[in-house]
Amino acid sequence: MEGSSGSSSNRPGKKKTTELETLRKEHEEKQLKKQQLMLRRQELKKQIENHKNKETSEEVKQAFKQLSQEYNSLREEYNQLLTQTSGESHH
């Protein structure tokens, strides 16, 4: 009986390993996405700061407004991913 119970315990172990690999892959993808968003956010922040330092025409004001909106959107998405990632690390 021990032999049969030993072989049946291997299957859940393999399933658990597969689940761990899947979770690890998802985590790595989220980390990569988070890093990409952080870099893009930093780029946008620099662009916004550069626009603040220049004299503004109407066209520049519109570009600044658009960049600000994109920055805020990326910041929100980054913060959501950060919250998800930190929530996963506690489990």
PDB file of N, CA and C in Angstrom:
ATOM      1  N   MET A   1       0.810  -1.196   0.000  1.00  0.00           N
ATOM      2  CA  MET A   1       0.000   0.000   0.000  1.00  0.00           C
ATOM      3  C   MET A   1       0.850   1.254   0.000  1.00  0.00           C
ATOM      4  N   GLU A   2       2.003   1.160   0.641  1.00  0.00           N
ATOM      5  CA  GLU A   2       2.853   2.341   0.685  1.00  0.00           C
ATOM      6  C   GLU A   2       3.289   2.754  -0.708  1.00  0.00           C
ATOM      7  N   GLY A   3       3.553   1.762  -1.558  1.00  0.00           N
ATOM      8  CA  GLY A   3       3.977   2.053  -2.923  1.00  0.00           C
ATOM      9  C   GLY A   3       2.901   2.795  -3.694  1.00  0.00           C
ATOM     10  N   SER A   4       1.658   2.394  -3.535  1.00  0.00           N
ATOM     11  CA  SER A   4       0.584   3.058  -4.276  1.00  0.00           C
ATOM     12  C   SER A   4       0.324   4.457  -3.736  1.00  0.00           C
ATOM     13  N   SER A   5       0.423   4.623  -2.429  1.00  0.00           N
ATOM     14  CA  SER A   5       0.217   5.966  -1.880  1.00  0.00           C
ATOM     15  C   SER A   5       1.381   6.879  -2.236  1.00  0.00           C
ATOM     16  N   GLY A   6       2.576   6.303  -2.382  1.00  0.00           N
ATOM     17  CA  GLY A   6       3.746   7.090  -2.766  1.00  0.00           C
ATOM     18  C   GLY A   6       3.615   7.611  -4.183  1.00  0.00           C
ATOM     19  N   SER A   7       3.112   6.786  -5.091  1.00  0.00           N
ATOM     20  CA  SER A   7       2.981   7.222  -6.480  1.00  0.00           C
ATOM     21  C   SER A   7       1.860   8.243  -6.629  1.00  0.00           C
ATOM     22  N   SER A   8       0.805   8.107  -5.829  1.00  0.00           N
ATOM     23  CA  SER A   8      -0.284   9.083  -5.925  1.00  0.00           C
ATOM     24  C   SER A   8       0.135  10.429  -5.343  1.00  0.00           C
ATOM     25  N   SER A   9       1.087  10.423  -4.437  1.00  0.00           N
ATOM     26  CA  SER A   9       1.546  11.695  -3.879  1.00  0.00           C
ATOM     27  C   SER A   9       2.468  12.423  -4.848  1.00  0.00           C
ATOM     28  N   ASN A  10       3.045  11.703  -5.828  1.00  0.00           N
ATOM     29  CA  ASN A  10       3.900  12.347  -6.825  1.00  0.00           C
ATOM     30  C   ASN A  10       3.102  13.255  -7.739  1.00  0.00           C
ATOM     31  N   ARG A  11       1.937  12.860  -8.120  1.00  0.00           N
ATOM     32  CA  ARG A  11       1.132  13.662  -9.038  1.00  0.00           C
ATOM     33  C   ARG A  11       0.790  15.032  -8.463  1.00  0.00           C
ATOM     34  N   PRO A  12       0.285  15.105  -7.227  1.00  0.00           N
ATOM     35  CA  PRO A  12       0.033  16.448  -6.677  1.00  0.00           C
ATOM     36  C   PRO A  12       1.308  17.271  -6.564  1.00  0.00           C
ATOM     37  N   GLY A  13       2.435  16.613  -6.300  1.00  0.00           N
ATOM     38  CA  GLY A  13       3.711  17.322  -6.222  1.00  0.00           C
ATOM     39  C   GLY A  13       4.087  17.930  -7.561  1.00  0.00           C
ATOM     40  N   LYS A  14       3.896  17.168  -8.625  1.00  0.00           N
ATOM     41  CA  LYS A  14       4.194  17.675  -9.968  1.00  0.00           C
ATOM     42  C   LYS A  14       3.253  18.814 -10.322  1.00  0.00           C
ATOM     43  N   LYS A  15       1.992  18.650  -9.942  1.00  0.00           N
ATOM     44  CA  LYS A  15       1.008  19.704 -10.219  1.00  0.00           C
ATOM     45  C   LYS A  15       1.392  20.976  -9.469  1.00  0.00           C
ATOM     46  N   LYS A  16       1.831  20.796  -8.231  1.00  0.00           N
ATOM     47  CA  LYS A  16       2.233  21.948  -7.424  1.00  0.00           C
ATOM     48  C   LYS A  16       3.453  22.631  -8.036  1.00  0.00           C
ATOM     49  N   THR A  17       4.394  21.829  -8.545  1.00  0.00           N
ATOM     50  CA  THR A  17       5.578  22.383  -9.203  1.00  0.00           C
ATOM     51  C   THR A  17       5.168  23.180 -10.430  1.00  0.00           C
ATOM     52  N   THR A  18       4.254  22.639 -11.217  1.00  0.00           N
ATOM     53  CA  THR A  18       3.775  23.341 -12.406  1.00  0.00           C
ATOM     54  C   THR A  18       3.091  24.647 -12.012  1.00  0.00           C
ATOM     55  N   GLU A  19       2.285  24.605 -10.973  1.00  0.00           N
ATOM     56  CA  GLU A  19       1.620  25.819 -10.496  1.00  0.00           C
ATOM     57  C   GLU A  19       2.645  26.847 -10.036  1.00  0.00           C
ATOM     58  N   LEU A  20       3.671  26.384  -9.332  1.00  0.00           N
ATOM     59  CA  LEU A  20       4.728  27.294  -8.879  1.00  0.00           C
ATOM     60  C   LEU A  20       5.461  27.909 -10.063  1.00  0.00           C
ATOM     61  N   GLU A  21       5.747  27.095 -11.072  1.00  0.00           N
ATOM     62  CA  GLU A  21       6.417  27.613 -12.266  1.00  0.00           C
ATOM     63  C   GLU A  21       5.546  28.652 -12.960  1.00  0.00           C
ATOM     64  N   THR A  22       4.260  28.378 -13.045  1.00  0.00           N
ATOM     65  CA  THR A  22       3.326  29.322 -13.664  1.00  0.00           C
ATOM     66  C   THR A  22       3.281  30.617 -12.874  1.00  0.00           C
ATOM     67  N   LEU A  23       3.174  30.503 -11.564  1.00  0.00           N
ATOM     68  CA  LEU A  23       3.152  31.700 -10.720  1.00  0.00           C
ATOM     69  C   LEU A  23       4.459  32.471 -10.816  1.00  0.00           C
ATOM     70  N   ARG A  24       5.576  31.759 -10.854  1.00  0.00           N
ATOM     71  CA  ARG A  24       6.881  32.406 -10.971  1.00  0.00           C
ATOM     72  C   ARG A  24       6.975  33.167 -12.296  1.00  0.00           C
ATOM     73  N   LYS A  25       6.502  32.539 -13.359  1.00  0.00           N
ATOM     74  CA  LYS A  25       6.531  33.185 -14.676  1.00  0.00           C
ATOM     75  C   LYS A  25       5.643  34.433 -14.673  1.00  0.00           C
ATOM     76  N   GLU A  26       4.444  34.319 -14.118  1.00  0.00           N
ATOM     77  CA  GLU A  26       3.546  35.475 -14.033  1.00  0.00           C
ATOM     78  C   GLU A  26       4.187  36.592 -13.222  1.00  0.00           C
ATOM     79  N   HIS A  27       4.838  36.229 -12.137  1.00  0.00           N
ATOM     80  CA  HIS A  27       5.497  37.221 -11.287  1.00  0.00           C
ATOM     81  C   HIS A  27       6.610  37.924 -12.059  1.00  0.00           C
ATOM     82  N   GLU A  28       7.415  37.151 -12.786  1.00  0.00           N
ATOM     83  CA  GLU A  28       8.499  37.738 -13.573  1.00  0.00           C
ATOM     84  C   GLU A  28       7.952  38.680 -14.637  1.00  0.00           C
ATOM     85  N   GLU A  29       6.843  38.289 -15.275  1.00  0.00           N
ATOM     86  CA  GLU A  29       6.229  39.144 -16.293  1.00  0.00           C
ATOM     87  C   GLU A  29       5.731  40.446 -15.677  1.00  0.00           C
ATOM     88  N   LYS A  30       5.130  40.347 -14.503  1.00  0.00           N
ATOM     89  CA  LYS A  30       4.649  41.552 -13.820  1.00  0.00           C
ATOM     90  C   LYS A  30       5.812  42.447 -13.404  1.00  0.00           C
ATOM     91  N   GLN A  31       6.886  41.824 -12.945  1.00  0.00           N
ATOM     92  CA  GLN A  31       8.065  42.601 -12.554  1.00  0.00           C
ATOM     93  C   GLN A  31       8.633  43.346 -13.761  1.00  0.00           C
ATOM     94  N   LEU A  32       8.706  42.661 -14.900  1.00  0.00           N
ATOM     95  CA  LEU A  32       9.216  43.278 -16.123  1.00  0.00           C
ATOM     96  C   LEU A  32       8.313  44.425 -16.552  1.00  0.00           C
ATOM     97  N   LYS A  33       7.010  44.195 -16.534  1.00  0.00           N
ATOM     98  CA  LYS A  33       6.045  45.237 -16.908  1.00  0.00           C
ATOM     99  C   LYS A  33       6.170  46.429 -15.962  1.00  0.00           C
ATOM    100  N   LYS A  34       6.325  46.142 -14.695  1.00  0.00           N
ATOM    101  CA  LYS A  34       6.467  47.200 -13.693  1.00  0.00           C
ATOM    102  C   LYS A  34       7.719  48.023 -13.968  1.00  0.00           C
ATOM    103  N   GLN A  35       8.811  47.345 -14.308  1.00  0.00           N
ATOM    104  CA  GLN A  35      10.063  48.047 -14.595  1.00  0.00           C
ATOM    105  C   GLN A  35       9.921  48.897 -15.859  1.00  0.00           C
ATOM    106  N   GLN A  36       9.261  48.351 -16.880  1.00  0.00           N
ATOM    107  CA  GLN A  36       9.049  49.110 -18.112  1.00  0.00           C
ATOM    108  C   GLN A  36       8.204  50.351 -17.847  1.00  0.00           C
ATOM    109  N   LEU A  37       7.155  50.185 -17.057  1.00  0.00           N
ATOM    110  CA  LEU A  37       6.300  51.323 -16.720  1.00  0.00           C
ATOM    111  C   LEU A  37       7.072  52.375 -15.934  1.00  0.00           C
ATOM    112  N   MET A  38       7.914  51.925 -15.025  1.00  0.00           N
ATOM    113  CA  MET A  38       8.699  52.859 -14.224  1.00  0.00           C
ATOM    114  C   MET A  38       9.636  53.666 -15.125  1.00  0.00           C
ATOM    115  N   LEU A  39      10.292  52.999 -16.076  1.00  0.00           N
ATOM    116  CA  LEU A  39      11.189  53.703 -16.991  1.00  0.00           C
ATOM    117  C   LEU A  39      10.421  54.690 -17.861  1.00  0.00           C
ATOM    118  N   ARG A  40       9.280  54.262 -18.382  1.00  0.00           N
ATOM    119  CA  ARG A  40       8.462  55.153 -19.220  1.00  0.00           C
ATOM    120  C   ARG A  40       7.972  56.344 -18.403  1.00  0.00           C
ATOM    121  N   ARG A  41       7.597  56.083 -17.179  1.00  0.00           N
ATOM    122  CA  ARG A  41       7.127  57.151 -16.296  1.00  0.00           C
ATOM    123  C   ARG A  41       8.239  58.168 -16.059  1.00  0.00           C
ATOM    124  N   GLN A  42       9.456  57.673 -15.848  1.00  0.00           N
ATOM    125  CA  GLN A  42      10.591  58.573 -15.636  1.00  0.00           C
ATOM    126  C   GLN A  42      10.863  59.409 -16.880  1.00  0.00           C
ATOM    127  N   GLU A  43      10.757  58.781 -18.061  1.00  0.00           N
ATOM    128  CA  GLU A  43      10.947  59.517 -19.310  1.00  0.00           C
ATOM    129  C   GLU A  43       9.912  60.629 -19.445  1.00  0.00           C
ATOM    130  N   LEU A  44       8.665  60.286 -19.170  1.00  0.00           N
ATOM    131  CA  LEU A  44       7.596  61.279 -19.272  1.00  0.00           C
ATOM    132  C   LEU A  44       7.792  62.405 -18.266  1.00  0.00           C
ATOM    133  N   LYS A  45       8.233  62.039 -17.088  1.00  0.00           N
ATOM    134  CA  LYS A  45       8.466  63.046 -16.058  1.00  0.00           C
ATOM    135  C   LYS A  45       9.534  64.036 -16.517  1.00  0.00           C
ATOM    136  N   LYS A  46      10.600  63.520 -17.129  1.00  0.00           N
ATOM    137  CA  LYS A  46      11.652  64.398 -17.645  1.00  0.00           C
ATOM    138  C   LYS A  46      11.112  65.297 -18.745  1.00  0.00           C
ATOM    139  N   GLN A  47      10.295  64.730 -19.636  1.00  0.00           N
ATOM    140  CA  GLN A  47       9.711  65.526 -20.711  1.00  0.00           C
ATOM    141  C   GLN A  47       8.825  66.631 -20.144  1.00  0.00           C
ATOM    142  N   ILE A  48       8.055  66.294 -19.139  1.00  0.00           N
ATOM    143  CA  ILE A  48       7.177  67.287 -18.507  1.00  0.00           C
ATOM    144  C   ILE A  48       8.006  68.395 -17.880  1.00  0.00           C
ATOM    145  N   GLU A  49       9.066  68.023 -17.176  1.00  0.00           N
ATOM    146  CA  GLU A  49       9.931  69.025 -16.549  1.00  0.00           C
ATOM    147  C   GLU A  49      10.585  69.918 -17.598  1.00  0.00           C
ATOM    148  N   ASN A  50      10.988  69.331 -18.727  1.00  0.00           N
ATOM    149  CA  ASN A  50      11.578  70.121 -19.802  1.00  0.00           C
ATOM    150  C   ASN A  50      10.572  71.117 -20.371  1.00  0.00           C
ATOM    151  N   HIS A  51       9.335  70.691 -20.497  1.00  0.00           N
ATOM    152  CA  HIS A  51       8.304  71.592 -21.012  1.00  0.00           C
ATOM    153  C   HIS A  51       8.009  72.723 -20.035  1.00  0.00           C
ATOM    154  N   LYS A  52       8.117  72.452 -18.769  1.00  0.00           N
ATOM    155  CA  LYS A  52       7.879  73.493 -17.767  1.00  0.00           C
ATOM    156  C   LYS A  52       8.922  74.597 -17.885  1.00  0.00           C
ATOM    157  N   ASN A  53      10.132  74.225 -18.267  1.00  0.00           N
ATOM    158  CA  ASN A  53      11.228  75.183 -18.317  1.00  0.00           C
ATOM    159  C   ASN A  53      11.210  76.054 -19.570  1.00  0.00           C
ATOM    160  N   LYS A  54      10.455  75.673 -20.597  1.00  0.00           N
ATOM    161  CA  LYS A  54      10.405  76.430 -21.842  1.00  0.00           C
ATOM    162  C   LYS A  54       9.215  77.380 -21.833  1.00  0.00           C
ATOM    163  N   GLU A  55       9.334  78.417 -22.669  1.00  0.00           N
ATOM    164  CA  GLU A  55       8.174  79.276 -22.855  1.00  0.00           C
ATOM    165  C   GLU A  55       7.102  78.447 -23.540  1.00  0.00           C
ATOM    166  N   THR A  56       5.864  78.682 -23.160  1.00  0.00           N
ATOM    167  CA  THR A  56       4.805  77.824 -23.665  1.00  0.00           C
ATOM    168  C   THR A  56       3.925  78.527 -24.687  1.00  0.00           C
ATOM    169  N   SER A  57       3.785  77.891 -25.817  1.00  0.00           N
ATOM    170  CA  SER A  57       2.808  78.318 -26.805  1.00  0.00           C
ATOM    171  C   SER A  57       1.585  77.420 -26.617  1.00  0.00           C
ATOM    172  N   GLU A  58       0.550  77.669 -27.356  1.00  0.00           N
ATOM    173  CA  GLU A  58      -0.656  76.843 -27.227  1.00  0.00           C
ATOM    174  C   GLU A  58      -0.360  75.385 -27.576  1.00  0.00           C
ATOM    175  N   GLU A  59       0.447  75.167 -28.592  1.00  0.00           N
ATOM    176  CA  GLU A  59       0.799  73.807 -29.005  1.00  0.00           C
ATOM    177  C   GLU A  59       1.574  73.093 -27.901  1.00  0.00           C
ATOM    178  N   VAL A  60       2.489  73.795 -27.288  1.00  0.00           N
ATOM    179  CA  VAL A  60       3.285  73.218 -26.209  1.00  0.00           C
ATOM    180  C   VAL A  60       2.396  72.936 -25.004  1.00  0.00           C
ATOM    181  N   LYS A  61       1.456  73.824 -24.737  1.00  0.00           N
ATOM    182  CA  LYS A  61       0.530  73.598 -23.620  1.00  0.00           C
ATOM    183  C   LYS A  61      -0.275  72.322 -23.836  1.00  0.00           C
ATOM    184  N   GLN A  62      -0.735  72.119 -25.072  1.00  0.00           N
ATOM    185  CA  GLN A  62      -1.504  70.906 -25.372  1.00  0.00           C
ATOM    186  C   GLN A  62      -0.629  69.655 -25.221  1.00  0.00           C
ATOM    187  N   ALA A  63       0.593  69.735 -25.705  1.00  0.00           N
ATOM    188  CA  ALA A  63       1.513  68.601 -25.579  1.00  0.00           C
ATOM    189  C   ALA A  63       1.793  68.306 -24.107  1.00  0.00           C
ATOM    190  N   PHE A  64       1.980  69.361 -23.332  1.00  0.00           N
ATOM    191  CA  PHE A  64       2.218  69.202 -21.897  1.00  0.00           C
ATOM    192  C   PHE A  64       1.025  68.532 -21.225  1.00  0.00           C
ATOM    193  N   LYS A  65      -0.163  68.981 -21.589  1.00  0.00           N
ATOM    194  CA  LYS A  65      -1.379  68.409 -21.012  1.00  0.00           C
ATOM    195  C   LYS A  65      -1.478  66.918 -21.355  1.00  0.00           C
ATOM    196  N   GLN A  66      -1.192  66.586 -22.606  1.00  0.00           N
ATOM    197  CA  GLN A  66      -1.249  65.194 -23.038  1.00  0.00           C
ATOM    198  C   GLN A  66      -0.207  64.347 -22.302  1.00  0.00           C
ATOM    199  N   LEU A  67       1.004  64.864 -22.191  1.00  0.00           N
ATOM    200  CA  LEU A  67       2.057  64.137 -21.475  1.00  0.00           C
ATOM    201  C   LEU A  67       1.697  63.961 -20.001  1.00  0.00           C
ATOM    202  N   SER A  68       1.115  64.982 -19.420  1.00  0.00           N
ATOM    203  CA  SER A  68       0.712  64.897 -18.013  1.00  0.00           C
ATOM    204  C   SER A  68      -0.338  63.811 -17.819  1.00  0.00           C
ATOM    205  N   GLN A  69      -1.299  63.756 -18.730  1.00  0.00           N
ATOM    206  CA  GLN A  69      -2.340  62.734 -18.633  1.00  0.00           C
ATOM    207  C   GLN A  69      -1.749  61.335 -18.800  1.00  0.00           C
ATOM    208  N   GLU A  70      -0.850  61.195 -19.764  1.00  0.00           N
ATOM    209  CA  GLU A  70      -0.211  59.895 -19.980  1.00  0.00           C
ATOM    210  C   GLU A  70       0.626  59.504 -18.762  1.00  0.00           C
ATOM    211  N   TYR A  71       1.341  60.461 -18.208  1.00  0.00           N
ATOM    212  CA  TYR A  71       2.149  60.206 -17.011  1.00  0.00           C
ATOM    213  C   TYR A  71       1.262  59.740 -15.855  1.00  0.00           C
ATOM    214  N   ASN A  72       0.162  60.445 -15.633  1.00  0.00           N
ATOM    215  CA  ASN A  72      -0.741  60.075 -14.542  1.00  0.00           C
ATOM    216  C   ASN A  72      -1.318  58.681 -14.753  1.00  0.00           C
ATOM    217  N   SER A  73      -1.658  58.363 -15.986  1.00  0.00           N
ATOM    218  CA  SER A  73      -2.189  57.045 -16.304  1.00  0.00           C
ATOM    219  C   SER A  73      -1.151  55.958 -16.030  1.00  0.00           C
ATOM    220  N   LEU A  74       0.076  56.188 -16.483  1.00  0.00           N
ATOM    221  CA  LEU A  74       1.145  55.214 -16.247  1.00  0.00           C
ATOM    222  C   LEU A  74       1.464  55.089 -14.764  1.00  0.00           C
ATOM    223  N   ARG A  75       1.412  56.189 -14.057  1.00  0.00           N
ATOM    224  CA  ARG A  75       1.679  56.156 -12.618  1.00  0.00           C
ATOM    225  C   ARG A  75       0.624  55.313 -11.908  1.00  0.00           C
ATOM    226  N   GLU A  76      -0.645  55.493 -12.298  1.00  0.00           N
ATOM    227  CA  GLU A  76      -1.713  54.702 -11.694  1.00  0.00           C
ATOM    228  C   GLU A  76      -1.525  53.213 -11.989  1.00  0.00           C
ATOM    229  N   GLU A  77      -1.207  52.894 -13.249  1.00  0.00           N
ATOM    230  CA  GLU A  77      -1.000  51.498 -13.621  1.00  0.00           C
ATOM    231  C   GLU A  77       0.189  50.907 -12.868  1.00  0.00           C
ATOM    232  N   TYR A  78       1.258  51.672 -12.756  1.00  0.00           N
ATOM    233  CA  TYR A  78       2.444  51.229 -12.017  1.00  0.00           C
ATOM    234  C   TYR A  78       2.094  50.973 -10.548  1.00  0.00           C
ATOM    235  N   ASN A  79       1.365  51.901  -9.940  1.00  0.00           N
ATOM    236  CA  ASN A  79       0.992  51.736  -8.534  1.00  0.00           C
ATOM    237  C   ASN A  79       0.099  50.520  -8.332  1.00  0.00           C
ATOM    238  N   GLN A  80      -0.794  50.255  -9.294  1.00  0.00           N
ATOM    239  CA  GLN A  80      -1.640  49.068  -9.196  1.00  0.00           C
ATOM    240  C   GLN A  80      -0.796  47.800  -9.268  1.00  0.00           C
ATOM    241  N   LEU A  81       0.153  47.773 -10.193  1.00  0.00           N
ATOM    242  CA  LEU A  81       1.035  46.608 -10.294  1.00  0.00           C
ATOM    243  C   LEU A  81       1.882  46.454  -9.042  1.00  0.00           C
ATOM    244  N   LEU A  82       2.332  47.564  -8.510  1.00  0.00           N
ATOM    245  CA  LEU A  82       3.131  47.536  -7.296  1.00  0.00           C
ATOM    246  C   LEU A  82       2.316  46.958  -6.145  1.00  0.00           C
ATOM    247  N   THR A  83       1.065  47.357  -6.038  1.00  0.00           N
ATOM    248  CA  THR A  83       0.175  46.845  -5.000  1.00  0.00           C
ATOM    249  C   THR A  83      -0.057  45.351  -5.188  1.00  0.00           C
ATOM    250  N   GLN A  84      -0.294  44.933  -6.440  1.00  0.00           N
ATOM    251  CA  GLN A  84      -0.502  43.508  -6.716  1.00  0.00           C
ATOM    252  C   GLN A  84       0.737  42.702  -6.368  1.00  0.00           C
ATOM    253  N   THR A  85       1.888  43.200  -6.766  1.00  0.00           N
ATOM    254  CA  THR A  85       3.142  42.492  -6.526  1.00  0.00           C
ATOM    255  C   THR A  85       3.428  42.386  -5.036  1.00  0.00           C
ATOM    256  N   SER A  86       3.221  43.464  -4.302  1.00  0.00           N
ATOM    257  CA  SER A  86       3.481  43.415  -2.862  1.00  0.00           C
ATOM    258  C   SER A  86       2.459  42.524  -2.170  1.00  0.00           C
ATOM    259  N   GLY A  87       1.242  42.468  -2.695  1.00  0.00           N
ATOM    260  CA  GLY A  87       0.223  41.580  -2.142  1.00  0.00           C
ATOM    261  C   GLY A  87       0.578  40.126  -2.358  1.00  0.00           C
ATOM    262  N   GLU A  88       1.177  39.816  -3.512  1.00  0.00           N
ATOM    263  CA  GLU A  88       1.572  38.446  -3.812  1.00  0.00           C
ATOM    264  C   GLU A  88       2.724  37.999  -2.931  1.00  0.00           C
ATOM    265  N   SER A  89       3.618  38.894  -2.593  1.00  0.00           N
ATOM    266  CA  SER A  89       4.782  38.513  -1.798  1.00  0.00           C
ATOM    267  C   SER A  89       4.409  38.177  -0.360  1.00  0.00           C
ATOM    268  N   HIS A  90       3.234  38.588   0.066  1.00  0.00           N
ATOM    269  CA  HIS A  90       2.799  38.280   1.430  1.00  0.00           C
ATOM    270  C   HIS A  90       2.131  36.921   1.511  1.00  0.00           C
ATOM    271  N   HIS A  91       1.838  36.295   0.363  1.00  0.00           N
ATOM    272  CA  HIS A  91       1.164  34.993   0.352  1.00  0.00           C
ATOM    273  C   HIS A  91       2.132  33.885   0.333  1.00  0.00           C
TER     274      HIS A  91
END
